[in-house]
C-alpha cells in the first residue's frame, strides 16, 4: 500500500512523456541585468559624443547664419557709419544708434542661454582714394573651438560723383511701400537727392506728391515721389522713421534709370 501510494503521487506530478517546466531563477535574472547594465554603460560615451557633435554642428550652422546676417545688416548702413568702432559698439548702457541694438559684441538666439560673440573688422582702402571698405565679421561662442566668418566689400556711393554727359531720364516715379504702413511716424519718409555734375554737389529733398505729409495712411498706404530725374549724375537716398525702431531706417544710395518701387521693413527684427 505504501509503495502504490507513492507511485500514484509521482504520476500526479509528472505525466509520462512530458518534460518538467520551470521559469527563470532569481540568479539568472540578476546575471541578465548585470550583463545588460555593462553593455549600456559601455554605450553611454558613444551616445554622449554623438549628441555633443550634433550640438556643435548646430552651433556652427547658427554661427554661420549669424555672420551672413550681420553682413547684410552692415550693407544697409550709410557708408560713413560703417566703422569698426560703430559696429562693435556695446548696446549697454545706451542703445546702439547704428541699428537699434542689432550690432555690438553679442548676439542672442531666441531660447538660447548663451550668446554668440560677434566681432567686426572694417578696413578702408588706402588713401587717397578710400573708395571701398572691406568688412569682415567673425562669430564664436564661449567654450567652443569654431570660428565662423563672413566678409564683404562696400563701395562708396559717392565714388561715381564725376560728371557724366549722358541723356538723363526724366519724369520718373518712385513708390515707397511698407510691410506695415501704420508703424511709420513723423517725419515719415524722406527722399534725398545729390546732383554730382555741378560744383559743389547740390543736395535737395524732393517733396512727395502722395501723401503730401510723407506719412502713409489707410487712404494712401504708400508714399510716391514724382517728376524725378535719373541718370548717372543723380544719387538718391530714402529714409523711413518707424515707431518700431529707435533709428531712422535708410536704404542704400542708388541711381534711377526707370520708375521703381522700394519696400521698407518697418518692424526690423520683429514679425
Protein backbone atom coordinates (compact mmCIF):
# COMPACT_ATOMS: atom_id res chain seq x y z
CA UNK A 1 0.00 0.00 0.00
CA UNK A 2 2.75 2.44 0.82
CA UNK A 3 4.60 1.90 -2.46
CA UNK A 4 1.46 2.10 -4.54
CA UNK A 5 0.52 5.38 -2.89
CA UNK A 6 3.93 6.70 -3.69
CA UNK A 7 3.58 5.68 -7.31
CA UNK A 8 0.23 7.39 -7.59
CA UNK A 9 1.69 10.56 -6.09
CA UNK A 10 4.56 10.53 -8.57
CA UNK A 11 2.21 10.06 -11.50
CA UNK A 12 0.22 13.03 -10.29
CA UNK A 13 3.19 15.40 -10.61
CA UNK A 14 4.80 14.12 -13.85
CA UNK A 15 2.81 12.60 -16.65
CA UNK A 16 4.58 10.01 -18.81
CA UNK A 17 6.36 11.57 -21.87
CA UNK A 18 6.09 15.20 -20.57
CA UNK A 19 9.23 17.26 -19.71
CA UNK A 20 9.12 19.19 -16.44
CA UNK A 21 8.60 23.03 -16.87
CA UNK A 22 10.01 25.88 -14.77
CA UNK A 23 10.79 29.70 -15.14
CA UNK A 24 13.98 31.78 -14.70
CA UNK A 25 15.56 31.67 -11.33
CA UNK A 26 16.45 34.84 -9.43
CA UNK A 27 20.14 34.24 -10.04
CA UNK A 28 19.60 34.05 -13.81
CA UNK A 29 17.63 37.32 -13.78
CA UNK A 30 20.34 39.06 -11.79
CA UNK A 31 23.03 37.87 -14.21
CA UNK A 32 20.98 39.17 -17.17
CA UNK A 33 20.51 42.57 -15.53
CA UNK A 34 24.22 42.87 -14.74
CA UNK A 35 25.23 42.00 -18.33
CA UNK A 36 22.72 44.49 -19.77
CA UNK A 37 23.99 47.20 -17.41
CA UNK A 38 27.58 46.59 -18.51
CA UNK A 39 26.61 46.81 -22.20
CA UNK A 40 24.56 50.00 -21.76
CA UNK A 41 27.32 51.59 -19.67
CA UNK A 42 29.78 50.95 -22.47
CA UNK A 43 27.43 52.61 -24.98
CA UNK A 44 26.81 55.77 -22.92
CA UNK A 45 30.03 57.57 -24.03
CA UNK A 46 29.21 56.78 -27.65
CA UNK A 47 25.77 58.39 -27.44
CA UNK A 48 27.13 61.31 -25.41
CA UNK A 49 29.79 62.02 -28.05
CA UNK A 50 27.22 61.77 -30.82
CA UNK A 51 24.94 64.27 -29.07
CA UNK A 52 27.87 66.61 -28.41
CA UNK A 53 28.95 66.54 -32.06
CA UNK A 54 25.38 67.18 -33.20
CA UNK A 55 25.17 70.15 -30.84
CA UNK A 56 28.48 71.57 -32.10
CA UNK A 57 27.41 71.15 -35.73
CA UNK A 58 24.19 73.05 -35.00
CA UNK A 59 26.18 75.81 -33.29
CA UNK A 60 28.40 76.12 -36.37
CA UNK A 61 25.36 76.37 -38.64
CA UNK A 62 23.82 79.03 -36.39
CA UNK A 63 27.09 80.97 -36.20
CA UNK A 64 27.47 80.93 -39.98
CA UNK A 65 23.89 82.18 -40.38
CA UNK A 66 24.53 84.96 -37.86
CA UNK A 67 27.69 86.03 -39.70
CA UNK A 68 25.86 86.24 -43.03
CA UNK A 69 23.00 88.16 -41.40
CA UNK A 70 25.42 90.66 -39.83
CA UNK A 71 26.99 91.30 -43.23
CA UNK A 72 23.57 92.04 -44.74
CA UNK A 73 22.78 94.41 -41.87
CA UNK A 74 26.08 96.23 -42.37
CA UNK A 75 25.29 96.80 -46.05
CA UNK A 76 22.08 98.62 -45.04
CA UNK A 77 24.03 101.28 -43.13
CA UNK A 78 25.19 104.58 -44.52
CA UNK A 79 28.72 104.34 -45.89
CA UNK A 80 30.07 106.86 -43.36
CA UNK A 81 28.59 104.88 -40.45
CA UNK A 82 30.39 101.66 -41.39
CA UNK A 83 33.30 101.91 -38.99
CA UNK A 84 34.84 99.35 -36.69
CA UNK A 85 34.04 101.48 -33.63
CA UNK A 86 30.38 101.86 -34.57
CA UNK A 87 29.79 98.18 -35.34
CA UNK A 88 31.49 96.95 -32.15
CA UNK A 89 29.56 99.49 -30.10
CA UNK A 90 28.12 97.90 -26.97
CA UNK A 91 24.32 98.38 -26.70
CA UNK A 92 24.61 98.76 -22.93
CA UNK A 93 24.08 101.09 -21.13
CA UNK A 94 22.93 103.24 -24.06
CA UNK A 95 21.25 101.92 -27.23
CA UNK A 96 23.38 101.49 -30.32
CA UNK A 97 22.39 104.31 -32.70
CA UNK A 98 23.58 102.30 -35.71
CA UNK A 99 20.96 99.58 -35.84
CA UNK A 100 18.61 99.58 -32.86
CA UNK A 101 20.95 97.36 -30.85
CA UNK A 102 21.42 94.89 -33.69
CA UNK A 103 25.17 95.45 -33.72
CA UNK A 104 27.65 95.08 -30.90
CA UNK A 105 29.75 92.24 -29.47
CA UNK A 106 26.91 89.82 -28.58
CA UNK A 107 24.09 88.11 -30.45
CA UNK A 108 21.38 86.11 -28.68
CA UNK A 109 19.33 83.47 -30.43
CA UNK A 110 15.79 83.02 -29.18
CA UNK A 111 15.64 80.42 -26.43
CA UNK A 112 19.43 80.18 -26.05
CA UNK A 113 21.08 80.55 -22.65
CA UNK A 114 24.47 81.64 -24.03
CA UNK A 115 25.17 84.41 -26.55
CA UNK A 116 27.31 84.21 -29.65
CA UNK A 117 30.31 86.54 -29.68
CA UNK A 118 30.45 88.82 -32.74
CA UNK A 119 33.42 90.93 -33.80
CA UNK A 120 33.53 93.35 -36.73
CA UNK A 121 36.62 94.38 -38.68
CA UNK A 122 36.47 97.32 -41.10
CA UNK A 123 39.44 98.08 -43.34
CA UNK A 124 39.14 101.06 -45.70
CA UNK A 125 41.11 101.06 -48.92
CA UNK A 126 44.32 103.07 -48.67
CA UNK A 127 44.21 106.86 -49.02
CA UNK A 128 43.85 109.00 -51.03
CA UNK A 129 41.18 107.01 -52.87
CA UNK A 130 39.40 105.24 -49.98
CA UNK A 131 36.51 104.27 -52.22
CA UNK A 132 35.77 100.93 -50.60
CA UNK A 133 35.57 99.32 -47.19
CA UNK A 134 36.39 95.68 -46.54
CA UNK A 135 34.15 94.34 -43.77
CA UNK A 136 34.75 91.02 -42.04
CA UNK A 137 32.56 89.52 -39.32
CA UNK A 138 33.64 86.67 -37.04
CA UNK A 139 31.24 84.71 -34.83
CA UNK A 140 32.40 82.49 -31.97
CA UNK A 141 30.95 81.01 -28.81
CA UNK A 142 32.44 80.54 -25.36
CA UNK A 143 33.92 77.08 -24.77
CA UNK A 144 33.50 76.18 -28.46
CA UNK A 145 36.50 75.82 -30.80
CA UNK A 146 34.94 77.04 -34.04
CA UNK A 147 35.30 80.48 -35.66
CA UNK A 148 32.80 81.30 -38.42
CA UNK A 149 33.31 84.37 -40.58
CA UNK A 150 31.80 86.25 -43.49
CA UNK A 151 33.05 89.25 -45.42
CA UNK A 152 32.00 91.80 -48.00
CA UNK A 153 33.24 94.90 -49.79
CA UNK A 154 31.12 98.04 -49.56
CA UNK A 155 31.61 100.65 -52.25
CA UNK A 156 31.49 104.36 -51.53
CA UNK A 157 28.32 105.59 -53.32
CA UNK A 158 29.98 108.94 -53.91
CA UNK A 159 32.78 107.28 -55.88
CA UNK A 160 30.93 107.89 -59.12
CA UNK A 161 30.43 111.58 -58.50
CA UNK A 162 32.30 112.59 -61.63
CA UNK A 163 30.16 114.36 -64.17
CA UNK A 164 28.91 112.11 -66.95
CA UNK A 165 27.48 113.53 -70.14
CA UNK A 166 24.64 111.18 -70.87
CA UNK A 167 20.95 111.58 -71.51
CA UNK A 168 19.08 111.86 -68.24
CA UNK A 169 15.71 110.13 -67.95
CA UNK A 170 13.08 112.47 -66.54
CA UNK A 171 9.55 112.24 -65.16
CA UNK A 172 10.49 109.17 -63.15
CA UNK A 173 8.37 107.98 -60.24
CA UNK A 174 9.47 106.28 -57.02
CA UNK A 175 6.88 104.48 -54.88
CA UNK A 176 7.79 103.57 -51.31
CA UNK A 177 5.69 100.94 -49.55
CA UNK A 178 5.93 99.05 -46.27
CA UNK A 179 5.21 95.75 -44.57
CA UNK A 180 3.07 97.73 -42.05
CA UNK A 181 2.42 101.33 -43.06
CA UNK A 182 0.80 102.13 -39.67
CA UNK A 183 4.23 101.97 -37.99
CA UNK A 184 5.54 104.95 -39.98
CA UNK A 185 5.73 108.08 -37.79
CA UNK A 186 6.93 111.67 -38.15
CA UNK A 187 8.92 112.73 -40.10
CA UNK A 188 7.80 109.70 -42.10
CA UNK A 189 9.54 109.05 -45.40
CA UNK A 190 12.11 111.45 -46.80
CA UNK A 191 13.97 111.40 -50.10
CA UNK A 192 17.39 112.97 -50.58
CA UNK A 193 18.90 113.69 -54.00
CA UNK A 194 22.54 114.58 -54.64
CA UNK A 195 23.39 116.12 -58.01
CA UNK A 196 27.03 115.43 -58.89
CA UNK A 197 27.51 117.12 -62.29
CA UNK A 198 27.82 120.54 -60.67
CA UNK A 199 30.43 122.01 -58.34
CA UNK A 200 29.87 121.85 -55.46
CA UNK A 201 27.41 118.97 -55.37
CA UNK A 202 23.82 120.04 -54.78
CA UNK A 203 21.69 118.18 -52.23
CA UNK A 204 17.91 118.59 -52.36
CA UNK A 205 14.90 116.88 -50.77
CA UNK A 206 12.07 116.25 -53.27
CA UNK A 207 8.57 116.60 -51.83
CA UNK A 208 6.27 113.59 -52.10
CA UNK A 209 3.08 114.15 -54.02
CA UNK A 210 1.14 111.36 -52.30
CA UNK A 211 0.54 111.75 -49.45
CA UNK A 212 1.95 115.28 -49.04
CA UNK A 213 2.86 114.66 -45.38
CA UNK A 214 5.13 111.68 -46.22
CA UNK A 215 3.31 109.58 -43.61
CA UNK A 216 1.17 106.84 -45.19
CA UNK A 217 -2.45 106.36 -44.18
CA UNK A 218 -5.22 103.90 -44.91
CA UNK A 219 -6.21 106.09 -47.86
CA UNK A 220 -2.60 106.45 -49.07
CA UNK A 221 -0.75 103.29 -47.85
CA UNK A 222 2.30 104.21 -49.96
CA UNK A 223 4.44 107.33 -50.42
CA UNK A 224 5.02 108.42 -54.01
CA UNK A 225 7.62 110.82 -55.41
CA UNK A 226 7.06 112.00 -58.98
CA UNK A 227 8.93 114.09 -61.58
CA UNK A 228 12.32 112.72 -60.58
CA UNK A 229 15.43 112.98 -62.72
CA UNK A 230 17.53 109.87 -63.21
CA UNK A 231 20.86 109.01 -64.76
CA UNK A 232 24.45 108.79 -63.52
CA UNK A 233 24.58 112.32 -62.13
CA UNK A 234 21.81 111.93 -59.53
CA UNK A 235 22.15 109.79 -56.42
CA UNK A 236 19.10 109.15 -54.26
CA UNK A 237 18.73 108.07 -50.64
CA UNK A 238 15.45 107.14 -48.92
CA UNK A 239 14.88 107.32 -45.17
CA UNK A 240 11.97 105.96 -43.13
CA UNK A 241 11.12 106.59 -39.48
CA UNK A 242 9.23 103.74 -37.80
CA UNK A 243 7.74 103.53 -34.32
CA UNK A 244 9.26 100.04 -34.05
CA UNK A 245 12.86 101.24 -34.44
CA UNK A 246 14.89 103.73 -32.43
CA UNK A 247 16.85 104.76 -35.51
CA UNK A 248 15.86 106.06 -38.93
CA UNK A 249 15.94 103.23 -41.46
CA UNK A 250 17.95 104.04 -44.56
CA UNK A 251 18.04 102.34 -47.93
CA UNK A 252 21.46 102.12 -49.63
CA UNK A 253 22.05 105.06 -52.01
CA UNK A 254 21.00 104.33 -55.58
CA UNK A 255 20.62 105.88 -59.04
CA UNK A 256 17.45 105.75 -61.09
CA UNK A 257 17.07 104.86 -64.75
CA UNK A 258 13.41 103.92 -64.70
CA UNK A 259 10.49 104.33 -62.31
CA UNK A 260 10.57 101.86 -59.47
CA UNK A 261 9.41 100.72 -56.05
CA UNK A 262 11.14 100.44 -52.70
CA UNK A 263 9.90 98.49 -49.67
CA UNK A 264 10.80 99.12 -46.02
CA UNK A 265 10.67 96.64 -43.18
CA UNK A 266 9.02 98.84 -40.55
CA UNK A 267 9.48 96.28 -37.76
CA UNK A 268 13.12 95.17 -38.05
CA UNK A 269 13.78 92.08 -36.03
CA UNK A 270 10.06 91.57 -35.32
CA UNK A 271 7.13 89.99 -37.09
